[in-house]
Amino acid sequence: MLAALRSAPPRRTLPASTLDFGNQLPGADRWLEIGARTNGAAVAFTTLSPRRKINSAPYATTTANVSGNIPASQITGVIPLARLPAQLVTNDATGLNLTGTFTGDGSGLTNLTVHSPSGRIESLPFTITNPGVFYLTANLVGTAGQSGITVQADNVT
């Protein structure tokens, strides 16, 4: 593509001109090559070096034509929390109540304190009076009118 600029006297400033490339910016890297010659000379243009990369600003017009889903691999930057759906759990979330079925072996979990079981609950009623980790050994069915599992402790948090 060749664009001719009108002649102008030399100055110690950077020249500026609006260039219309038409529909030639599909998103791939594009470079601008500039050639110069004396006004009215019948000689070939002298190519100036180096070529200049056309930066992303002209490509902003592409966004006007985007519709539908965009692959995550093509998105960069930070998405503000206000733009995320309310049901999305983030690192700073507090007061959450998570429900549902969780699967896996937990091998990817970090920053957990592991407690070894210190007591088995084999029948009901059962009273916990000492600190520890207790677990059920079977599906236990309580008796109507009686407590199932009772915790008797001070300073429970």
C-alpha atoms as a PDB file:
ATOM      1  CA  MET A   1       0.000   0.000   0.000  1.00  0.00           C
ATOM      2  CA  LEU A   2       1.410   3.375  -0.947  1.00  0.00           C
ATOM      3  CA  ALA A   3       0.360   6.644   0.690  1.00  0.00           C
ATOM      4  CA  ALA A   4       1.744   9.960  -0.545  1.00  0.00           C
ATOM      5  CA  LEU A   5       1.976  12.936   1.790  1.00  0.00           C
ATOM      6  CA  ARG A   6       2.017  16.509   0.523  1.00  0.00           C
ATOM      7  CA  SER A   7       5.332  18.259   0.490  1.00  0.00           C
ATOM      8  CA  ALA A   8       6.308  20.216   3.574  1.00  0.00           C
ATOM      9  CA  PRO A   9       9.371  22.190   4.530  1.00  0.00           C
ATOM     10  CA  PRO A  10      11.785  20.296   6.809  1.00  0.00           C
ATOM     11  CA  ARG A  11      11.329  20.891  10.543  1.00  0.00           C
ATOM     12  CA  ARG A  12      12.886  19.572  13.722  1.00  0.00           C
ATOM     13  CA  THR A  13       9.648  17.890  14.789  1.00  0.00           C
ATOM     14  CA  LEU A  14       8.098  14.527  14.199  1.00  0.00           C
ATOM     15  CA  PRO A  15       5.803  14.503  11.178  1.00  0.00           C
ATOM     16  CA  ALA A  16       2.188  13.565  11.786  1.00  0.00           C
ATOM     17  CA  SER A  17      -0.389  12.470   9.279  1.00  0.00           C
ATOM     18  CA  THR A  18      -3.564  10.424   9.281  1.00  0.00           C
ATOM     19  CA  LEU A  19      -3.296   7.265   7.217  1.00  0.00           C
ATOM     20  CA  ASP A  20      -6.319   5.213   6.189  1.00  0.00           C
ATOM     21  CA  PHE A  21      -5.321   1.581   5.637  1.00  0.00           C
ATOM     22  CA  GLY A  22      -8.866   0.489   4.889  1.00  0.00           C
ATOM     23  CA  ASN A  23      -9.681  -3.064   5.965  1.00  0.00           C
ATOM     24  CA  GLN A  24      -6.025  -4.165   6.216  1.00  0.00           C
ATOM     25  CA  LEU A  25      -5.748  -4.686   9.989  1.00  0.00           C
ATOM     26  CA  PRO A  26      -7.099  -8.188  10.722  1.00  0.00           C
ATOM     27  CA  GLY A  27      -5.249  -8.494  14.046  1.00  0.00           C
ATOM     28  CA  ALA A  28      -1.945  -9.976  12.911  1.00  0.00           C
ATOM     29  CA  ASP A  29       1.310  -8.037  13.367  1.00  0.00           C
ATOM     30  CA  ARG A  30       1.661  -5.230  10.840  1.00  0.00           C
ATOM     31  CA  TRP A  31       4.696  -3.063  10.113  1.00  0.00           C
ATOM     32  CA  LEU A  32       4.914   0.377   8.520  1.00  0.00           C
ATOM     33  CA  GLU A  33       7.664   0.949   5.959  1.00  0.00           C
ATOM     34  CA  ILE A  34       8.375   4.559   5.052  1.00  0.00           C
ATOM     35  CA  GLY A  35      10.209   5.788   1.962  1.00  0.00           C
ATOM     36  CA  ALA A  36      11.301   9.353   1.135  1.00  0.00           C
ATOM     37  CA  ARG A  37      12.613  11.299  -1.864  1.00  0.00           C
ATOM     38  CA  THR A  38      13.067  14.901  -2.918  1.00  0.00           C
ATOM     39  CA  ASN A  39       9.891  16.694  -4.047  1.00  0.00           C
ATOM     40  CA  GLY A  40       9.147  16.042  -7.698  1.00  0.00           C
ATOM     41  CA  ALA A  41      12.236  13.913  -8.205  1.00  0.00           C
ATOM     42  CA  ALA A  42      11.974  11.100 -10.703  1.00  0.00           C
ATOM     43  CA  VAL A  43      14.104   8.820  -8.540  1.00  0.00           C
ATOM     44  CA  ALA A  44      13.083   5.858  -6.442  1.00  0.00           C
ATOM     45  CA  PHE A  45      12.078   6.328  -2.827  1.00  0.00           C
ATOM     46  CA  THR A  46      14.776   5.675  -0.242  1.00  0.00           C
ATOM     47  CA  THR A  47      13.432   3.260   2.362  1.00  0.00           C
ATOM     48  CA  LEU A  48      13.858   4.510   5.913  1.00  0.00           C
ATOM     49  CA  SER A  49      14.929   1.977   8.460  1.00  0.00           C
ATOM     50  CA  PRO A  50      13.865   0.360  10.696  1.00  0.00           C
ATOM     51  CA  ARG A  51      10.264  -0.387   9.867  1.00  0.00           C
ATOM     52  CA  ARG A  52       7.837   0.585  12.639  1.00  0.00           C
ATOM     53  CA  LYS A  53       5.397  -1.834  14.198  1.00  0.00           C
ATOM     54  CA  ILE A  54       1.807  -0.634  14.165  1.00  0.00           C
ATOM     55  CA  ASN A  55       0.750  -0.922  17.795  1.00  0.00           C
ATOM     56  CA  SER A  56      -2.574  -2.107  19.121  1.00  0.00           C
ATOM     57  CA  ALA A  57      -4.439   1.231  19.098  1.00  0.00           C
ATOM     58  CA  PRO A  58      -5.657   0.835  15.482  1.00  0.00           C
ATOM     59  CA  TYR A  59      -6.855  -2.659  16.349  1.00  0.00           C
ATOM     60  CA  ALA A  60      -9.277  -1.331  18.957  1.00  0.00           C
ATOM     61  CA  THR A  61     -11.852  -1.073  16.168  1.00  0.00           C
ATOM     62  CA  THR A  62     -11.855  -4.880  16.080  1.00  0.00           C
ATOM     63  CA  THR A  63     -13.706  -5.023  19.401  1.00  0.00           C
ATOM     64  CA  ALA A  64     -16.723  -3.351  17.847  1.00  0.00           C
ATOM     65  CA  ASN A  65     -17.200  -6.475  15.725  1.00  0.00           C
ATOM     66  CA  VAL A  66     -16.696  -9.113  18.451  1.00  0.00           C
ATOM     67  CA  SER A  67     -19.686 -11.158  19.526  1.00  0.00           C
ATOM     68  CA  GLY A  68     -20.159 -14.438  21.363  1.00  0.00           C
ATOM     69  CA  ASN A  69     -17.735 -16.210  23.654  1.00  0.00           C
ATOM     70  CA  ILE A  70     -14.031 -15.392  23.684  1.00  0.00           C
ATOM     71  CA  PRO A  71     -11.575 -18.139  24.719  1.00  0.00           C
ATOM     72  CA  ALA A  72      -9.933 -17.406  28.102  1.00  0.00           C
ATOM     73  CA  SER A  73      -6.521 -17.854  26.479  1.00  0.00           C
ATOM     74  CA  GLN A  74      -7.169 -14.634  24.524  1.00  0.00           C
ATOM     75  CA  ILE A  75      -7.986 -12.543  27.600  1.00  0.00           C
ATOM     76  CA  THR A  76      -5.252 -10.791  29.564  1.00  0.00           C
ATOM     77  CA  GLY A  77      -5.294  -8.392  32.475  1.00  0.00           C
ATOM     78  CA  VAL A  78      -7.336  -8.268  35.665  1.00  0.00           C
ATOM     79  CA  ILE A  79     -11.107  -8.554  35.753  1.00  0.00           C
ATOM     80  CA  PRO A  80     -12.511  -6.314  38.536  1.00  0.00           C
ATOM     81  CA  LEU A  81     -14.468  -8.172  41.243  1.00  0.00           C
ATOM     82  CA  ALA A  82     -17.535  -6.055  40.470  1.00  0.00           C
ATOM     83  CA  ARG A  83     -17.635  -7.647  36.979  1.00  0.00           C
ATOM     84  CA  LEU A  84     -17.659 -11.243  38.333  1.00  0.00           C
ATOM     85  CA  PRO A  85     -20.890 -13.141  39.063  1.00  0.00           C
ATOM     86  CA  ALA A  86     -22.039 -12.954  42.709  1.00  0.00           C
ATOM     87  CA  GLN A  87     -22.068 -16.762  43.052  1.00  0.00           C
ATOM     88  CA  LEU A  88     -18.346 -17.017  42.220  1.00  0.00           C
ATOM     89  CA  VAL A  89     -16.214 -17.866  45.273  1.00  0.00           C
ATOM     90  CA  THR A  90     -13.017 -15.810  45.488  1.00  0.00           C
ATOM     91  CA  ASN A  91     -10.013 -15.930  47.826  1.00  0.00           C
ATOM     92  CA  ASP A  92     -11.330 -13.123  50.037  1.00  0.00           C
ATOM     93  CA  ALA A  93     -14.836 -14.563  50.438  1.00  0.00           C
ATOM     94  CA  THR A  94     -16.119 -14.778  54.019  1.00  0.00           C
ATOM     95  CA  GLY A  95     -19.216 -16.216  55.647  1.00  0.00           C
ATOM     96  CA  LEU A  96     -19.613 -18.962  53.047  1.00  0.00           C
ATOM     97  CA  ASN A  97     -21.834 -21.978  53.397  1.00  0.00           C
ATOM     98  CA  LEU A  98     -20.717 -24.607  50.898  1.00  0.00           C
ATOM     99  CA  THR A  99     -23.025 -27.535  50.234  1.00  0.00           C
ATOM    100  CA  GLY A 100     -23.057 -30.422  47.834  1.00  0.00           C
ATOM    101  CA  THR A 101     -20.944 -33.443  47.146  1.00  0.00           C
ATOM    102  CA  PHE A 102     -17.181 -33.151  47.305  1.00  0.00           C
ATOM    103  CA  THR A 103     -15.065 -35.809  45.651  1.00  0.00           C
ATOM    104  CA  GLY A 104     -11.377 -36.595  45.490  1.00  0.00           C
ATOM    105  CA  ASP A 105      -8.675 -37.608  47.923  1.00  0.00           C
ATOM    106  CA  GLY A 106      -7.828 -34.109  49.175  1.00  0.00           C
ATOM    107  CA  SER A 107      -4.220 -34.355  47.969  1.00  0.00           C
ATOM    108  CA  GLY A 108      -4.410 -30.858  46.480  1.00  0.00           C
ATOM    109  CA  LEU A 109      -5.460 -29.190  49.736  1.00  0.00           C
ATOM    110  CA  THR A 110      -2.885 -27.053  51.525  1.00  0.00           C
ATOM    111  CA  ASN A 111      -2.534 -25.207  54.844  1.00  0.00           C
ATOM    112  CA  LEU A 112      -4.562 -27.814  56.743  1.00  0.00           C
ATOM    113  CA  THR A 113      -3.938 -29.094  60.233  1.00  0.00           C
ATOM    114  CA  VAL A 114      -4.217 -32.875  60.272  1.00  0.00           C
ATOM    115  CA  HIS A 115      -5.705 -34.482  63.378  1.00  0.00           C
ATOM    116  CA  SER A 116      -5.528 -38.186  64.069  1.00  0.00           C
ATOM    117  CA  PRO A 117      -8.733 -39.728  65.402  1.00  0.00           C
ATOM    118  CA  SER A 118      -8.718 -40.010  69.182  1.00  0.00           C
ATOM    119  CA  GLY A 119     -12.077 -41.663  69.686  1.00  0.00           C
ATOM    120  CA  ARG A 120     -14.618 -43.903  68.011  1.00  0.00           C
ATOM    121  CA  ILE A 121     -18.340 -43.392  68.332  1.00  0.00           C
ATOM    122  CA  GLU A 122     -19.725 -46.923  68.134  1.00  0.00           C
ATOM    123  CA  SER A 123     -23.123 -46.553  69.777  1.00  0.00           C
ATOM    124  CA  LEU A 124     -25.571 -43.936  71.010  1.00  0.00           C
ATOM    125  CA  PRO A 125     -25.955 -42.154  73.326  1.00  0.00           C
ATOM    126  CA  PHE A 126     -22.361 -40.892  73.389  1.00  0.00           C
ATOM    127  CA  THR A 127     -20.866 -38.018  75.391  1.00  0.00           C
ATOM    128  CA  ILE A 128     -17.687 -36.209  74.372  1.00  0.00           C
ATOM    129  CA  THR A 129     -15.905 -34.742  77.400  1.00  0.00           C
ATOM    130  CA  ASN A 130     -12.294 -34.464  76.211  1.00  0.00           C
ATOM    131  CA  PRO A 131     -10.772 -32.580  73.275  1.00  0.00           C
ATOM    132  CA  GLY A 132     -10.094 -34.712  70.236  1.00  0.00           C
ATOM    133  CA  VAL A 133     -11.245 -35.932  66.885  1.00  0.00           C
ATOM    134  CA  PHE A 134     -14.062 -38.463  66.941  1.00  0.00           C
ATOM    135  CA  TYR A 135     -15.546 -40.489  64.130  1.00  0.00           C
ATOM    136  CA  LEU A 136     -18.568 -42.694  63.581  1.00  0.00           C
ATOM    137  CA  THR A 137     -17.893 -46.365  62.941  1.00  0.00           C
ATOM    138  CA  ALA A 138     -21.292 -47.058  61.365  1.00  0.00           C
ATOM    139  CA  ASN A 139     -24.655 -45.501  60.614  1.00  0.00           C
ATOM    140  CA  LEU A 140     -25.997 -45.081  64.127  1.00  0.00           C
ATOM    141  CA  VAL A 141     -29.667 -44.671  64.949  1.00  0.00           C
ATOM    142  CA  GLY A 142     -30.643 -42.887  68.142  1.00  0.00           C
ATOM    143  CA  THR A 143     -33.530 -43.580  70.462  1.00  0.00           C
ATOM    144  CA  ALA A 144     -36.460 -41.170  70.593  1.00  0.00           C
ATOM    145  CA  GLY A 145     -36.331 -38.938  73.641  1.00  0.00           C
ATOM    146  CA  GLN A 146     -32.621 -39.514  74.273  1.00  0.00           C
ATOM    147  CA  SER A 147     -29.638 -37.414  73.283  1.00  0.00           C
ATOM    148  CA  GLY A 148     -27.586 -38.768  70.428  1.00  0.00           C
ATOM    149  CA  ILE A 149     -24.143 -37.193  70.746  1.00  0.00           C
ATOM    150  CA  THR A 150     -23.557 -34.726  73.573  1.00  0.00           C
ATOM    151  CA  VAL A 151     -20.544 -32.421  73.789  1.00  0.00           C
ATOM    152  CA  GLN A 152     -19.598 -31.283  77.304  1.00  0.00           C
ATOM    153  CA  ALA A 153     -16.740 -28.793  77.097  1.00  0.00           C
ATOM    154  CA  ASP A 154     -15.696 -25.324  78.145  1.00  0.00           C
ATOM    155  CA  ASN A 155     -14.491 -22.584  75.788  1.00  0.00           C
ATOM    156  CA  VAL A 156     -15.783 -24.225  72.640  1.00  0.00           C
ATOM    157  CA  THR A 157     -15.360 -22.146  69.518  1.00  0.00           C
END
